[in-house]
Amino acid sequence: MRITSTSCICPVLVCLCFVQRCYGAAHHGSIKVTRNQTRHTEGETEVHHRPKRGWVWNQFFVLEEHMGPDPQYVGKLHSNSDKGDGSVKYILTGEGAGTIFIIDDTTGDIHSTKSLDREQKTHYVLHAQAIDRRTNKPLEPESEFIIKVQDINDNAPKFTDGPYIVTVPEMSEMGTSVLQVTATDADDPTYGNSARVVYSILQGQPYFSVDPKTGVIRTALHNMDREAREHYSVVIQAKDMAGQVGGLSGSTTVNITLTDVNDNPPRFPQKHYQLYVPESAQVGSAVGKIKANDADTGSNADMKYTIINGDGAGVFSISTDKETREGILSLKKPLNYEKKKSYTLNIEGANTHLDFRFSHLGPFKDVTMLKIIVGDVDEPPLFTMPSYLMEVYENAKIGTPVGTVTAQDPDTANSLVRYFIDHNTEEDRYFTIDANTGTIKTAKIFDREETPWYNITVAASEIDNPGLVSHVPVGIRILDVNDNPPELAREYDVVVCENAKPGQVIQTITATDKDNSANGVRFHFSLDEGLSLNPNFTLKDNEDNTASILTRRRRYSRTTQDMYYLPILISDGGVPPLSSSSTLTVRVCACERDGRVRTCHAEAFLSSAGLSTGALIAILLCVVILLVFSLAIVVLFITLRRSKKEPLIISEEDVRENVVTYDDEGGGEEDTEAFDITALRNPSAAEELKYRRDVRPEVKPAPRHHPSSSLDSINVQEFIKQRLAEADLDPSVPPYDSLQTYAYEGHRSEAGSISSLDSVTTQSDQDYNYLGDWGPEFKKLAELYGEIESERTT
């Protein structure tokens, strides 16, 4: 099959297209398909040979934007099997087949029925096939070819980012790059000059230029001055076809603004100025303004004003207003027309931000002269001092002079002055002033501890012109008089531990005095001398306005006394000296070894435990029940003792401190023979005195006296007390009302006697403080021995 195209790339190839059409079957651009012949000869069988095909690929071209009335001819398909008898049918498939491209199925001619746009689609891929019209069988395999859309110059260059806004500093050198613009062309850049763009400037000359190839815009003049012209509008054109005639073009606008540089020095409009200032102008107030002009803008126009010389440099000052760039002239000292009527100032205005590239245009500063005329006005009275400080003692009588203020008329008339106090606050009513002399006096009795300072305002006006008033602040300090005695600085909670030792500091106290330090800086502490010597505590003055409370004896007992009261006398060193008495309450508490308070009295313990009233009632009820139960046991015990006939000591044999074990059990409550209380009720039962056989008695026992009353009238309790007293007085005789006796232990026992018979009468010097160091297991034992020691001391 042969494919022939009549669309040429350019007009020069028209002749080649003609040659191609004439010799397309034998040259490139055609596809040949040859078929082998099958011959039948005698004696030979029919042989089928596979046909040989020769393929030469070609491309079709079709011009875009075809606007003719007839379909545009694209090319021709031809098969070698086509004998021109119409038996071959050509079929076209692929992109655009049947809609854009149509084929004559008999001749193989291909036409384009629509106008194509290369910018939308550059080529189409199609497939061609030749089949037998009668059998519809393919004569050749399907072949693929491409139809390319040939470009024409139908798109103008476009600036996608325009319009542009750009800045460039003024006074830039010629050729300074401003901006690069770029235009795009949708035409095929590989075919002809349709997409070749050239730049040119249509508006903006002679100030700017553009590179025709790169589109870079540059300055075209030297020293372009912003103050002369600030904004420029430049129009740039981009034209394709390399700028040739007939090319398409597009344009954009570039708005260029010259930015400011400091190339203009400041200048005062005048070289001499004159300013009128009244002498009544307040110090610190603004009295005038002055300004130097600068053609620059922004920070390049910032300037600073200074007074460089003149006789008014010490009276006036100048500052710069950053918003308006004006020099603000202020008054530093008060003016007095009577003393000086005019001043002269030389004021300089200079730029603060200099550009040394333009220093040759300077100097960037300017100087002008300002003459200030002082105006005469009627002034109010002037006090001799800007403020007054006076003092008066507290408790001074009403009408006591405090001090005097003085004011004068500064004018030449020297009018008389009248004084008065501005009663704007309550404090101003505590003082009076003499209208003629200005003497201030007290109007009440003052207490420095209540208010130590008063501030009042005194006014003065001329008698001839009362409307002119001047004011002065007066501070009055109330001086201290020693009229307050010292007292304790706070309420002290003093605690002494039961195991405290003599000389131990249990509290340090200090005192305060409402008077100031001049009358109360030194405090003296002592115990009240009107009372007898305190045996429990003493006080030590530390001579630093503190005092220490010390213990005077060893051990204290909560059960004996849980609270002590210590009167203390405190005096100051003022004139006259004052003193006061305070009483400290000292609580006795149980403490740990490290001094921490463990518990104090029972009420504090229950309160700290958080027991309610109902719980306390329940506890008391339990105690009452236990007491009743104990009383019942005692009655039962006495009853059993009465019923027993045998004496308590049934043998005179040597009774040692032995442990005897019996295997029989008691009879319980029903056993009335276990104990006979007759020996306790009948004094004659113990009439006979029995001595211990392990110790030789040294003291004869005291004679026993029995009442003559009957046995039934004997009081058992008194009888027991009598026997106990006899046993205490005679350690060699064991008490017969006891159920135990102790034998003699022997000589030189390292542990000593453990008998309790001598514990009441013998005074032991042993210190039981070491029991508190044995740990919590021995805490209760240490408390018991501590209470015994405390009772002995008491």
Foldseek 3Di string as FASTA:
>chain_A
DFKAWCDDQDPVCNVVSVVCVVCVCPDARTWAWDADDWDDDPPDDTDHDDGDTGGHADEWEDEAPDDDPDFAWTIFHDYPVCPPPQQKFKDKAFPCEPNQWDADRRGRTITGDDGHDCLVPFKTKMKMFIAGPVPRHTPDDIDIYMYGHRWDLPWAWDFPDDDAEWEDAFQDAWFAWTDATDTFTSTDPVDAFSTQKFKFWDDDPPQWTAHGRGRTITGNDGGHDVLVPFKDKIKMKIWINNPDPPTHMDIGIYIYGHAYDLQWAWAFPDQEAEFEDELPDDAFDFRDKGATDTSHDDLSGAKFKAFPDWPCNVQWGWGADRVVRMITIGGHDGGDCVVDFKIKTKMKIFRPDDDVVNVVSDDRMDIHMYMYGYHYDFAWWDWPDQAAEWEEAAQDDFFAWTAFTDTWGSDPVTAAKFKFWDPPDPLSVQWGAHRRTRIITGHDGDDCLVPQKGKTKMKMGGPVCRVRIDIHIYIYGHAYDQDWWKDWPDADAFEDEQQDAFFDFGDKTAIDTSTDCVFFVWKDKAFDPVDDDDQFWGKADPRRRMITITGHHGGDALVVPFKDKTKMKMWGRGVVIDIDIDIHIYGYAHAAPVGHGDGGDPVRVVVVVVDDPVRVVVVVVVVVVVVVVVVVVVVLVLQLQQLADAALDNDPDQAAPDDDDDPDDDPPSVDSHPHHNVCLLDVVVCVDFDWHPQDDWDDDFDDDDDDPDDSVPDDSVVSVVVLLVRLLVTVGGDRSVDNDDHHDDDPDDPVDDPDCSPVPPDDDPDDPSCLSVPDPVSSVVSSVVSVVVNVVVD
